[in-house]
N, C-alpha and C. Protein backbone atom coordinates (compact mmCIF):
# COMPACT_ATOMS: atom_id res chain seq x y z
N UNK A 1 126.48 94.38 79.63
CA UNK A 1 124.80 94.68 78.82
C UNK A 1 124.79 95.55 77.72
N UNK A 2 124.15 94.74 76.90
CA UNK A 2 123.93 95.65 75.73
C UNK A 2 123.03 96.77 75.66
N UNK A 3 123.13 97.98 75.35
CA UNK A 3 122.13 98.95 75.76
C UNK A 3 120.64 98.60 75.20
N UNK A 4 121.29 98.67 73.90
CA UNK A 4 119.89 98.25 72.24
C UNK A 4 119.07 97.50 72.56
N UNK A 5 120.03 95.73 73.15
CA UNK A 5 118.98 94.82 73.44
C UNK A 5 118.15 95.16 74.45
N UNK A 6 118.60 95.99 75.72
CA UNK A 6 117.93 96.36 77.08
C UNK A 6 116.68 97.44 76.33
N UNK A 7 116.84 98.16 75.62
CA UNK A 7 115.85 98.59 74.86
C UNK A 7 115.13 97.76 74.23
N UNK A 8 115.17 96.90 73.74
CA UNK A 8 114.23 95.67 72.67
C UNK A 8 113.69 95.26 73.81
N UNK A 9 114.37 94.84 74.97
CA UNK A 9 113.60 94.05 75.98
C UNK A 9 112.59 94.94 76.66
N UNK A 10 112.90 96.39 76.99
CA UNK A 10 111.83 97.19 77.14
C UNK A 10 111.06 97.83 76.64
N UNK A 11 111.29 97.33 75.23
CA UNK A 11 110.18 97.96 74.12
C UNK A 11 110.40 99.28 73.78
N UNK A 12 111.61 99.64 74.37
CA UNK A 12 111.84 100.77 73.69
C UNK A 12 112.57 101.32 72.31
N UNK A 13 111.73 102.25 71.68
CA UNK A 13 112.37 102.73 70.13
C UNK A 13 113.11 103.82 70.47
N UNK A 14 113.90 104.04 69.62
CA UNK A 14 114.55 105.54 69.42
C UNK A 14 113.99 106.45 68.28
N UNK A 15 113.55 107.48 68.10
CA UNK A 15 113.28 108.41 67.61
C UNK A 15 114.36 108.86 66.99
N UNK A 16 113.65 110.46 66.05
CA UNK A 16 114.87 111.10 65.13
C UNK A 16 115.31 112.09 66.06
N UNK A 17 116.86 112.48 66.29
CA UNK A 17 116.98 113.04 67.37
C UNK A 17 116.31 114.62 67.17
N UNK A 18 116.08 115.35 68.31
CA UNK A 18 115.60 116.65 68.02
C UNK A 18 116.44 117.43 67.65
N UNK A 19 116.06 118.81 67.10
CA UNK A 19 116.26 119.53 66.19
C UNK A 19 116.89 120.88 67.34
N UNK A 20 117.73 121.56 67.57
CA UNK A 20 118.30 122.63 68.20
C UNK A 20 117.39 123.43 67.92
N UNK A 21 116.32 124.38 69.25
CA UNK A 21 115.60 125.15 68.94
C UNK A 21 116.51 126.87 69.57
N UNK A 22 117.56 126.72 68.69
CA UNK A 22 118.35 128.07 68.74
C UNK A 22 119.79 127.89 68.24
N UNK A 23 120.55 128.75 68.94
CA UNK A 23 121.99 128.55 68.64
C UNK A 23 122.78 127.76 69.42
N UNK A 24 122.89 126.89 69.51
CA UNK A 24 123.31 125.54 70.27
C UNK A 24 123.55 123.84 70.16
N UNK A 25 124.50 123.63 70.27
CA UNK A 25 124.74 122.30 70.07
C UNK A 25 123.83 121.11 70.87
N UNK A 26 122.95 120.44 70.44
CA UNK A 26 122.39 119.30 71.20
C UNK A 26 123.24 118.65 72.27
N UNK A 27 124.61 118.18 71.82
CA UNK A 27 125.37 117.46 72.53
C UNK A 27 126.34 118.28 71.94
N UNK A 28 127.53 117.85 73.65
CA UNK A 28 128.91 118.55 73.34
C UNK A 28 129.87 117.93 73.88
N UNK A 29 130.95 117.71 73.57
CA UNK A 29 131.89 116.77 74.01
C UNK A 29 132.95 117.71 74.67
N UNK A 30 133.19 117.56 75.82
CA UNK A 30 134.49 118.22 76.69
C UNK A 30 135.66 117.08 77.44
N UNK A 31 136.62 117.60 77.43
CA UNK A 31 137.40 116.75 78.09
C UNK A 31 137.66 115.10 77.09
N UNK A 32 138.28 114.27 77.64
CA UNK A 32 138.72 113.34 76.81
C UNK A 32 137.43 112.48 77.00
N UNK A 33 136.50 112.20 78.05
CA UNK A 33 135.84 111.00 78.04
C UNK A 33 134.12 111.62 78.81
N UNK A 34 133.88 113.12 78.59
CA UNK A 34 132.59 113.49 79.24
C UNK A 34 131.88 114.21 78.10
N UNK A 35 130.43 114.12 78.41
CA UNK A 35 129.65 114.53 77.35
C UNK A 35 128.39 115.21 78.29
N UNK A 36 128.12 116.13 77.78
CA UNK A 36 126.93 116.97 78.31
C UNK A 36 125.69 117.39 77.04
N UNK A 37 124.70 117.58 77.62
CA UNK A 37 123.56 117.28 76.94
C UNK A 37 122.94 118.66 77.08
N UNK A 38 122.79 119.57 75.90
CA UNK A 38 121.68 120.48 76.38
C UNK A 38 120.03 119.85 76.89
N UNK A 39 119.34 121.03 77.51
CA UNK A 39 117.99 120.70 77.81
C UNK A 39 117.35 119.93 76.77
N UNK A 40 116.74 119.10 76.80
CA UNK A 40 115.62 118.82 76.02
C UNK A 40 114.23 118.30 76.30
N UNK A 41 113.02 118.64 75.40
CA UNK A 41 111.95 118.53 75.79
C UNK A 41 111.36 117.03 75.25
N UNK A 42 110.25 116.73 75.99
CA UNK A 42 109.45 115.17 75.97
C UNK A 42 108.51 115.33 74.45
N UNK A 43 108.30 116.32 73.73
CA UNK A 43 108.04 116.06 72.09
C UNK A 43 108.71 115.00 71.48
N UNK A 44 107.53 114.29 71.18
CA UNK A 44 108.03 112.59 70.24
C UNK A 44 107.03 112.48 69.18
N UNK A 45 107.21 112.85 67.99
CA UNK A 45 106.50 112.41 66.35
C UNK A 45 105.59 111.78 66.77
N UNK A 46 104.55 111.78 66.29
CA UNK A 46 103.37 110.57 66.54
C UNK A 46 102.80 110.18 67.65
N UNK A 47 103.33 110.84 68.68
CA UNK A 47 102.48 110.91 70.47
C UNK A 47 102.05 112.37 70.30
N UNK A 48 100.82 112.33 71.49
CA UNK A 48 99.99 113.48 71.58
C UNK A 48 101.04 114.31 72.50
N UNK A 49 101.31 115.38 72.34
CA UNK A 49 101.97 116.78 73.03
C UNK A 49 100.90 117.51 73.68
N UNK A 50 101.92 117.11 74.83
CA UNK A 50 101.12 118.07 76.08
C UNK A 50 102.47 119.28 76.53
N UNK A 51 101.38 120.39 76.91
CA UNK A 51 102.01 121.20 76.88
C UNK A 51 101.49 122.43 78.65
N UNK A 52 102.26 122.74 79.07
CA UNK A 52 101.43 123.55 80.16
C UNK A 52 102.37 123.44 81.40
N UNK A 53 102.01 123.78 82.45
CA UNK A 53 102.26 123.49 83.64
C UNK A 53 101.41 122.06 84.83
N UNK A 54 102.79 121.59 85.09
CA UNK A 54 102.39 120.12 86.01
C UNK A 54 101.85 120.94 87.53
N UNK A 55 100.63 120.16 87.37
CA UNK A 55 100.06 120.56 89.31
C UNK A 55 98.61 121.54 88.67
N UNK A 56 98.88 121.87 87.12
CA UNK A 56 98.02 122.96 87.03
C UNK A 56 96.93 121.73 85.42
N UNK A 57 98.05 122.28 84.76
CA UNK A 57 97.31 121.60 83.31
C UNK A 57 97.66 120.62 82.71
N UNK A 58 98.72 119.26 83.52
CA UNK A 58 99.09 118.05 84.02
C UNK A 58 98.92 117.34 84.98
N UNK A 59 98.52 116.63 85.06
CA UNK A 59 98.80 115.44 86.15
C UNK A 59 100.41 115.05 86.56
N UNK A 60 100.82 115.12 87.74
CA UNK A 60 101.72 114.34 88.44
C UNK A 60 102.02 113.18 87.36
N UNK A 61 101.13 112.43 86.99
CA UNK A 61 101.53 110.76 85.99
C UNK A 61 101.81 111.86 84.34
N UNK A 62 101.12 112.77 83.87
CA UNK A 62 101.42 113.02 82.77
C UNK A 62 102.94 113.82 82.58
N UNK A 63 103.51 114.40 84.14
CA UNK A 63 104.19 115.32 84.14
C UNK A 63 105.47 114.12 83.97
N UNK A 64 105.31 113.15 84.78
CA UNK A 64 106.46 111.58 84.41
C UNK A 64 106.29 111.30 83.40
N UNK A 65 105.36 111.05 82.32
CA UNK A 65 105.21 110.61 81.09
C UNK A 65 106.24 111.62 80.28
N UNK A 66 106.17 112.82 80.34
CA UNK A 66 106.82 113.58 79.55
C UNK A 66 108.25 113.89 79.92
N UNK A 67 108.56 113.64 81.00
CA UNK A 67 110.10 113.54 81.17
C UNK A 67 110.97 112.21 81.14
N UNK A 68 110.09 110.93 81.05
CA UNK A 68 110.20 109.99 80.22
C UNK A 68 110.52 109.90 78.80
N UNK A 69 109.84 110.87 78.41
CA UNK A 69 109.52 111.13 76.74
C UNK A 69 111.16 111.83 76.70
N UNK A 70 111.37 112.72 77.45
CA UNK A 70 112.45 113.68 77.63
C UNK A 70 113.81 112.59 77.92
N UNK A 71 113.72 112.11 78.46
CA UNK A 71 114.95 110.60 78.53
C UNK A 71 114.91 109.92 76.99
N UNK A 72 113.79 109.59 76.37
CA UNK A 72 113.99 108.80 75.02
C UNK A 72 114.89 109.74 74.20
N UNK A 73 114.41 111.19 74.25
CA UNK A 73 114.91 111.99 73.63
C UNK A 73 116.27 112.35 73.24
N UNK A 74 116.76 112.34 74.74
CA UNK A 74 117.98 112.35 75.08
C UNK A 74 118.97 111.21 74.52
N UNK A 75 118.52 110.59 74.47
CA UNK A 75 118.69 108.78 74.37
C UNK A 75 119.14 108.68 72.43
N UNK A 76 118.24 109.60 71.91
CA UNK A 76 118.19 109.47 70.34
C UNK A 76 119.47 110.94 70.31
N UNK A 77 119.37 111.59 71.00
CA UNK A 77 120.13 112.61 70.20
C UNK A 77 121.60 111.93 70.51
N UNK A 78 121.85 110.93 71.83
CA UNK A 78 123.27 110.76 72.08
C UNK A 78 123.72 109.70 71.02
N UNK A 79 122.72 108.46 70.85
CA UNK A 79 123.22 107.68 69.62
C UNK A 79 123.12 108.59 68.47
N UNK A 80 122.57 109.32 68.08
CA UNK A 80 123.20 110.25 67.00
C UNK A 80 124.43 110.72 66.77
N UNK A 81 125.21 111.57 68.23
CA UNK A 81 126.31 111.81 68.54
C UNK A 81 127.42 110.76 68.80
N UNK A 82 127.34 109.82 69.27
CA UNK A 82 128.27 108.74 69.73
C UNK A 82 127.93 107.87 69.10
N UNK A 83 127.25 107.48 68.03
CA UNK A 83 127.03 106.34 66.80
C UNK A 83 126.84 105.02 68.16
N UNK A 84 127.04 104.94 69.22
CA UNK A 84 126.73 103.51 70.11
C UNK A 84 126.46 104.00 71.15
N UNK A 85 125.53 103.83 72.02
CA UNK A 85 125.10 104.00 73.22
C UNK A 85 126.12 103.41 74.33
N UNK A 86 126.38 102.01 73.68
CA UNK A 86 127.24 101.33 74.58
C UNK A 86 128.25 101.47 75.31
N UNK A 87 128.95 102.94 74.22
CA UNK A 87 129.93 104.00 75.26
C UNK A 87 129.94 104.45 76.02
N UNK A 88 128.71 104.73 76.58
CA UNK A 88 128.57 105.49 77.73
C UNK A 88 128.48 104.44 78.95
N UNK A 89 129.56 104.69 79.96
CA UNK A 89 130.29 104.20 81.32
C UNK A 89 129.02 105.05 82.28
N UNK A 90 128.52 106.23 82.21
CA UNK A 90 127.84 106.28 83.56
C UNK A 90 127.02 107.79 83.21
N UNK A 91 126.22 107.65 83.55
CA UNK A 91 124.90 108.67 83.60
C UNK A 91 125.48 109.50 84.78
N UNK A 92 126.42 110.67 84.91
CA UNK A 92 126.86 111.13 85.90
C UNK A 92 126.15 112.22 86.76
N UNK A 93 125.27 112.86 86.18
CA UNK A 93 124.26 114.12 86.34
C UNK A 93 122.97 114.10 85.42
N UNK A 94 122.05 114.35 86.45
CA UNK A 94 120.56 114.48 85.55
C UNK A 94 119.90 115.83 85.98
N UNK A 95 119.71 116.73 84.94
CA UNK A 95 119.32 117.86 85.85
C UNK A 95 117.83 118.39 85.13
N UNK A 96 116.79 118.27 85.78
CA UNK A 96 115.54 117.91 85.65
C UNK A 96 114.62 119.96 85.45
N UNK A 97 113.86 120.32 84.77
CA UNK A 97 113.28 121.20 84.78
C UNK A 97 111.84 121.23 84.73
N UNK A 98 111.08 121.55 85.93
CA UNK A 98 109.38 120.86 85.49
C UNK A 98 108.93 122.73 85.64
N UNK A 99 108.00 122.74 84.46
CA UNK A 99 106.88 124.24 84.42
C UNK A 99 105.93 123.56 85.37
N UNK A 100 105.94 124.41 86.38
CA UNK A 100 105.48 123.97 87.67
C UNK A 100 103.98 124.87 87.94
N UNK A 101 102.91 124.52 88.67
CA UNK A 101 102.02 125.07 89.27
C UNK A 101 102.65 125.83 90.72
N UNK A 102 102.09 127.09 90.83
CA UNK A 102 102.98 127.71 91.95
C UNK A 102 102.58 126.91 93.14
N UNK A 103 101.87 125.99 93.95
CA UNK A 103 101.24 125.15 94.80
C UNK A 103 101.71 123.43 94.33
N UNK A 104 102.72 123.29 93.23
CA UNK A 104 103.23 122.07 92.80
C UNK A 104 104.42 122.13 93.69
N UNK A 105 104.84 120.95 94.45
CA UNK A 105 105.88 120.69 95.24
C UNK A 105 106.51 119.29 95.05
N UNK A 106 106.25 118.67 93.94
CA UNK A 106 106.29 117.19 93.33
C UNK A 106 107.64 117.14 92.18
N UNK A 107 108.17 118.19 91.95
CA UNK A 107 109.17 117.99 91.27
C UNK A 107 110.13 116.63 91.34
N UNK A 108 110.55 116.31 92.20
CA UNK A 108 111.23 115.19 91.82
C UNK A 108 110.66 113.87 91.82
N UNK A 109 109.28 113.92 92.05
CA UNK A 109 108.71 112.80 91.18
C UNK A 109 108.13 112.51 89.32
N UNK A 110 108.17 114.41 89.65
CA UNK A 110 108.00 113.96 88.27
C UNK A 110 109.53 113.71 87.32
N UNK A 111 110.38 114.16 87.86
CA UNK A 111 111.69 113.42 87.29
C UNK A 111 112.14 112.43 87.82
N UNK A 112 111.29 111.55 88.70
CA UNK A 112 111.22 110.13 88.24
C UNK A 112 111.20 108.90 87.16
N UNK A 113 109.98 110.10 86.17
CA UNK A 113 109.96 109.27 85.09
C UNK A 113 111.29 109.05 84.20
N UNK A 114 111.81 110.13 84.44
CA UNK A 114 112.93 110.03 83.43
C UNK A 114 114.30 108.89 83.90
N UNK A 115 114.48 109.23 85.19
CA UNK A 115 115.50 108.41 86.02
C UNK A 115 114.69 107.25 86.08
N UNK A 116 113.78 106.59 86.03
CA UNK A 116 113.61 105.15 86.04
C UNK A 116 113.72 104.33 84.86
N UNK A 117 113.70 105.91 83.58
CA UNK A 117 114.32 104.81 81.93
C UNK A 117 115.62 104.73 81.93
N UNK A 118 116.43 105.75 82.21
CA UNK A 118 117.65 105.63 82.29
C UNK A 118 117.93 104.38 83.22
N UNK A 119 117.62 104.32 84.45
CA UNK A 119 117.62 103.39 85.32
C UNK A 119 117.41 101.99 84.71
N UNK A 120 116.51 101.72 84.05
CA UNK A 120 116.06 100.12 83.40
C UNK A 120 117.03 100.18 82.11
N UNK A 121 117.49 101.07 81.55
CA UNK A 121 118.27 101.00 80.46
C UNK A 121 119.78 100.53 80.64
N UNK A 122 120.30 101.63 81.51
CA UNK A 122 122.09 101.05 81.86
C UNK A 122 122.17 100.18 83.28
N UNK A 123 121.15 100.00 83.91
CA UNK A 123 121.31 99.43 85.14
C UNK A 123 122.08 100.53 86.02
N UNK A 124 121.87 100.23 87.69
CA UNK A 124 122.24 100.75 88.79
C UNK A 124 123.48 101.19 88.94
N UNK A 125 124.47 100.55 88.35
CA UNK A 125 126.05 101.11 88.20
C UNK A 125 126.01 102.39 87.35
N UNK A 126 125.38 102.11 86.11
CA UNK A 126 125.88 103.45 85.19
C UNK A 126 124.63 104.36 85.05
N UNK A 127 123.43 103.90 85.63
CA UNK A 127 122.43 104.85 85.39
C UNK A 127 121.60 105.23 86.39
N UNK A 128 122.45 105.75 87.42
CA UNK A 128 122.10 106.20 88.57
C UNK A 128 122.76 107.42 89.09
N UNK A 129 121.96 108.49 88.38
CA UNK A 129 123.06 109.71 88.35
C UNK A 129 122.82 110.48 89.62
N UNK A 130 123.71 111.45 90.25
CA UNK A 130 122.97 112.47 90.52
C UNK A 130 122.12 113.57 90.11
N UNK A 131 121.60 114.06 91.14
CA UNK A 131 120.17 114.19 90.20
C UNK A 131 119.81 115.74 90.85
N UNK A 132 119.13 116.58 89.92
CA UNK A 132 118.75 117.90 90.72
C UNK A 132 117.14 117.90 89.90
N UNK A 133 116.25 118.31 90.49
CA UNK A 133 114.71 118.69 90.01
C UNK A 133 114.30 119.74 90.56
N UNK A 134 114.43 120.83 89.63
CA UNK A 134 113.42 122.47 89.76
C UNK A 134 112.06 122.95 89.22
N UNK A 135 111.64 123.47 90.36
CA UNK A 135 110.27 123.92 89.69
C UNK A 135 110.58 125.22 89.07
N UNK A 136 109.96 125.45 87.75
CA UNK A 136 110.32 126.69 87.28
C UNK A 136 108.89 126.98 86.65
N UNK A 137 108.69 128.57 86.38
CA UNK A 137 107.06 129.05 86.02
C UNK A 137 107.04 128.84 84.60
N UNK A 138 107.78 128.51 83.86
CA UNK A 138 107.79 129.05 82.41
C UNK A 138 109.08 128.17 81.84
N UNK A 139 108.49 127.82 80.91
CA UNK A 139 109.70 126.50 79.58
C UNK A 139 109.74 127.12 78.41
N UNK A 140 110.77 126.92 77.41
CA UNK A 140 110.24 127.09 76.40
C UNK A 140 109.03 126.20 75.45
N UNK A 141 108.59 126.83 74.83
CA UNK A 141 107.31 126.62 74.13
C UNK A 141 106.37 126.21 74.92
N UNK A 142 105.70 126.18 76.20
CA UNK A 142 105.39 126.09 77.47
C UNK A 142 105.03 124.65 77.73
N UNK A 143 106.65 123.55 76.84
CA UNK A 143 106.74 122.63 77.64
C UNK A 143 106.86 122.08 79.26
N UNK A 144 106.22 121.27 79.53
CA UNK A 144 106.26 120.91 80.75
C UNK A 144 107.67 120.42 81.58
N UNK A 145 108.19 119.86 81.14
CA UNK A 145 109.86 119.36 81.50
C UNK A 145 110.72 119.34 80.39
N UNK A 146 111.60 119.56 80.84
CA UNK A 146 112.95 119.73 80.11
C UNK A 146 114.23 119.37 80.94
N UNK A 147 114.93 118.28 80.24
CA UNK A 147 116.16 117.40 81.19
C UNK A 147 117.60 117.57 80.63
N UNK A 148 118.67 117.55 80.80
CA UNK A 148 119.62 117.72 80.65
C UNK A 148 120.56 116.51 80.93
N UNK A 149 121.53 116.08 80.89
CA UNK A 149 122.51 115.10 81.49
C UNK A 149 124.27 115.46 81.42
N UNK A 150 124.99 114.77 81.80
CA UNK A 150 126.00 114.83 82.05
C UNK A 150 126.45 113.27 82.14
N UNK A 151 127.43 113.14 81.06
CA UNK A 151 127.77 112.02 80.98
C UNK A 151 129.26 111.30 81.24
N UNK A 152 129.70 110.52 81.37
CA UNK A 152 131.06 109.97 81.10
C UNK A 152 131.19 108.55 80.12
N UNK A 153 132.28 108.76 79.28
CA UNK A 153 132.05 107.45 78.10
C UNK A 153 133.38 106.87 78.58
N UNK A 154 133.33 105.74 77.66
CA UNK A 154 134.08 104.28 78.41
C UNK A 154 135.19 105.09 77.86
N UNK A 155 136.53 104.62 78.62
CA UNK A 155 137.71 104.20 77.39
C UNK A 155 138.01 104.16 76.14
């Protein structure tokens, strides 16, 4: 399956790669076939920016949308680094951090916003990674969600 054709079917467009917010690389290659992305938020140019804690300032559904946007930003960064998203063999691991209210316990449901997008784009064999979803009390810039990925490339 061609990743770009699938994205067109889903009505998804890649934006500009995100800029590093510090001294780090948004995408790092290691070994012969592995790629690790830095944590990326869901700010997308032209869309309203949401900040704050899920369960207090944002609803579960708004948190899921921000996680979905994180996944789109990660794909934009990977496209810039790889030149072709079809080089991705498998999304191995997803780690989601959710800026959560003290009494909010649905971090996995928030992460589903990103997981669904990745699954829809890559299919079950390549796009159903191992995953952790962790609640935190604050994220940089008060963003509601930050996600990072570990990927394996094709030969």
